[in-house]
Every structure is written in structure tokens, then in C-alpha cells.
Amino acid sequence: MHYNSFFCKWVYHMLHDSVEWRNELGSCINNAKSGQCKNNKCNSDCGCFLQWV
């Protein structure tokens, strides 16, 4: 595989994965902002996600 093909594929998958994670964690992020998070799990998961992005 040529470098350009590899790079384009990598960028595509990285962006696609970040959108999926954002959608999966969307309710968690909203719960953390509204204070409805149980056991502080949302805050740690969301904080980890936001630091990554």
C-alpha cells in the first residue's frame, strides 16, 4: 500500500471513529453537564474523551 493511500485511509477511519465515539458518549456528556451522572462515571468517561479529541 502506498503512503498516500495509507494516510487517507487512516484519516478517514480516525474521523469516522471519533464521530462514532461522540455519538455514543453524547448522552453521557449531556448527563455530566446537567449533573445527572451516576457514580461520577460520566464525568471520567467524558473527560477522557474530551482530552483525546
N, C-alpha and C. Protein backbone atom coordinates (compact mmCIF):
# COMPACT_ATOMS: atom_id res chain seq x y z
N MET A 1 0.85 -1.17 0.00
CA MET A 1 0.00 0.00 0.00
C MET A 1 0.90 1.24 0.00
N HIS A 2 0.60 2.17 -0.85
CA HIS A 2 1.37 3.41 -0.93
C HIS A 2 1.04 4.31 0.26
N TYR A 3 1.97 5.20 0.55
CA TYR A 3 1.82 6.08 1.71
C TYR A 3 0.55 6.92 1.62
N ASN A 4 0.27 7.50 0.46
CA ASN A 4 -0.92 8.35 0.33
C ASN A 4 -2.20 7.57 0.59
N SER A 5 -2.27 6.35 0.08
CA SER A 5 -3.45 5.52 0.32
C SER A 5 -3.58 5.20 1.80
N PHE A 6 -2.46 4.84 2.41
CA PHE A 6 -2.47 4.53 3.84
C PHE A 6 -2.90 5.74 4.65
N PHE A 7 -2.34 6.90 4.35
CA PHE A 7 -2.65 8.11 5.11
C PHE A 7 -4.12 8.48 4.97
N CYS A 8 -4.66 8.45 3.76
CA CYS A 8 -6.08 8.78 3.54
C CYS A 8 -6.98 7.81 4.29
N LYS A 9 -6.63 6.53 4.24
CA LYS A 9 -7.42 5.52 4.95
C LYS A 9 -7.36 5.76 6.46
N TRP A 10 -6.18 6.08 6.97
CA TRP A 10 -6.02 6.31 8.40
C TRP A 10 -6.83 7.52 8.85
N VAL A 11 -6.76 8.62 8.10
CA VAL A 11 -7.51 9.82 8.46
C VAL A 11 -9.00 9.54 8.42
N TYR A 12 -9.46 8.86 7.39
CA TYR A 12 -10.88 8.53 7.27
C TYR A 12 -11.35 7.74 8.48
N HIS A 13 -10.62 6.70 8.85
CA HIS A 13 -11.03 5.87 9.98
C HIS A 13 -10.95 6.62 11.30
N MET A 14 -9.95 7.45 11.47
CA MET A 14 -9.83 8.22 12.70
C MET A 14 -11.02 9.16 12.86
N LEU A 15 -11.37 9.87 11.79
CA LEU A 15 -12.50 10.79 11.86
C LEU A 15 -13.81 10.04 12.06
N HIS A 16 -13.97 8.94 11.37
CA HIS A 16 -15.18 8.13 11.50
C HIS A 16 -15.33 7.61 12.93
N ASP A 17 -14.24 7.11 13.50
CA ASP A 17 -14.28 6.61 14.88
C ASP A 17 -14.59 7.72 15.87
N SER A 18 -14.01 8.89 15.67
CA SER A 18 -14.26 9.98 16.61
C SER A 18 -15.73 10.42 16.56
N VAL A 19 -16.35 10.39 15.38
CA VAL A 19 -17.77 10.73 15.27
C VAL A 19 -18.61 9.66 15.97
N GLU A 20 -18.26 8.40 15.80
CA GLU A 20 -19.00 7.32 16.47
C GLU A 20 -18.89 7.46 17.98
N TRP A 21 -17.68 7.72 18.47
CA TRP A 21 -17.50 7.85 19.92
C TRP A 21 -18.26 9.05 20.44
N ARG A 22 -18.27 10.12 19.69
CA ARG A 22 -19.00 11.32 20.10
C ARG A 22 -20.49 11.01 20.21
N ASN A 23 -21.02 10.26 19.25
CA ASN A 23 -22.44 9.88 19.29
C ASN A 23 -22.73 8.96 20.46
N GLU A 24 -21.84 7.99 20.70
CA GLU A 24 -22.04 7.04 21.80
C GLU A 24 -21.97 7.74 23.15
N LEU A 25 -21.09 8.71 23.27
CA LEU A 25 -20.90 9.39 24.55
C LEU A 25 -21.74 10.66 24.67
N GLY A 26 -22.52 10.98 23.64
CA GLY A 26 -23.32 12.20 23.65
C GLY A 26 -24.25 12.30 24.83
N SER A 27 -24.97 11.21 25.12
CA SER A 27 -25.88 11.24 26.26
C SER A 27 -25.11 11.35 27.56
N CYS A 28 -23.97 10.71 27.62
CA CYS A 28 -23.14 10.79 28.82
C CYS A 28 -22.64 12.22 29.02
N ILE A 29 -22.20 12.85 27.95
CA ILE A 29 -21.72 14.23 28.05
C ILE A 29 -22.85 15.14 28.51
N ASN A 30 -24.04 14.95 27.95
CA ASN A 30 -25.18 15.78 28.35
C ASN A 30 -25.55 15.54 29.81
N ASN A 31 -25.50 14.27 30.27
CA ASN A 31 -25.80 13.96 31.66
C ASN A 31 -24.77 14.57 32.59
N ALA A 32 -23.52 14.55 32.19
CA ALA A 32 -22.46 15.11 33.03
C ALA A 32 -22.63 16.62 33.16
N LYS A 33 -23.01 17.27 32.07
CA LYS A 33 -23.20 18.72 32.11
C LYS A 33 -24.42 19.11 32.94
N SER A 34 -25.45 18.25 32.92
CA SER A 34 -26.67 18.59 33.66
C SER A 34 -26.63 18.10 35.10
N GLY A 35 -25.58 17.37 35.48
CA GLY A 35 -25.45 16.89 36.85
C GLY A 35 -26.21 15.62 37.13
N GLN A 36 -26.65 14.90 36.10
CA GLN A 36 -27.42 13.67 36.28
C GLN A 36 -26.55 12.43 36.18
N CYS A 37 -25.27 12.58 36.34
CA CYS A 37 -24.35 11.46 36.20
C CYS A 37 -24.34 10.62 37.47
N LYS A 38 -24.39 9.29 37.30
CA LYS A 38 -24.37 8.38 38.45
C LYS A 38 -22.95 7.92 38.72
N ASN A 39 -22.56 7.90 39.96
CA ASN A 39 -21.25 7.41 40.41
C ASN A 39 -20.08 8.13 39.75
N ASN A 40 -20.32 9.33 39.25
CA ASN A 40 -19.27 10.13 38.62
C ASN A 40 -18.63 9.45 37.41
N LYS A 41 -19.27 8.37 36.90
CA LYS A 41 -18.73 7.63 35.76
C LYS A 41 -18.73 8.49 34.50
N CYS A 42 -19.81 9.23 34.28
CA CYS A 42 -19.89 10.06 33.07
C CYS A 42 -18.78 11.09 33.04
N ASN A 43 -18.53 11.70 34.16
CA ASN A 43 -17.50 12.74 34.20
C ASN A 43 -16.14 12.18 33.83
N SER A 44 -15.81 10.99 34.32
CA SER A 44 -14.50 10.43 33.98
C SER A 44 -14.45 9.98 32.53
N ASP A 45 -15.52 9.34 32.02
CA ASP A 45 -15.55 8.91 30.62
C ASP A 45 -15.52 10.11 29.68
N CYS A 46 -16.32 11.11 29.98
CA CYS A 46 -16.40 12.29 29.12
C CYS A 46 -15.10 13.09 29.18
N GLY A 47 -14.53 13.19 30.35
CA GLY A 47 -13.27 13.90 30.48
C GLY A 47 -12.18 13.24 29.66
N CYS A 48 -12.16 11.92 29.71
CA CYS A 48 -11.18 11.17 28.93
C CYS A 48 -11.40 11.40 27.44
N PHE A 49 -12.65 11.34 27.00
CA PHE A 49 -12.97 11.55 25.58
C PHE A 49 -12.60 12.96 25.14
N LEU A 50 -12.96 13.95 25.93
CA LEU A 50 -12.69 15.34 25.56
C LEU A 50 -11.19 15.63 25.51
N GLN A 51 -10.42 15.00 26.39
CA GLN A 51 -8.98 15.18 26.35
C GLN A 51 -8.40 14.57 25.08
N TRP A 52 -8.95 13.44 24.66
CA TRP A 52 -8.46 12.77 23.46
C TRP A 52 -8.74 13.61 22.22
N VAL A 53 -9.97 14.16 22.17
CA VAL A 53 -10.37 14.94 21.00
C VAL A 53 -9.69 16.28 21.10
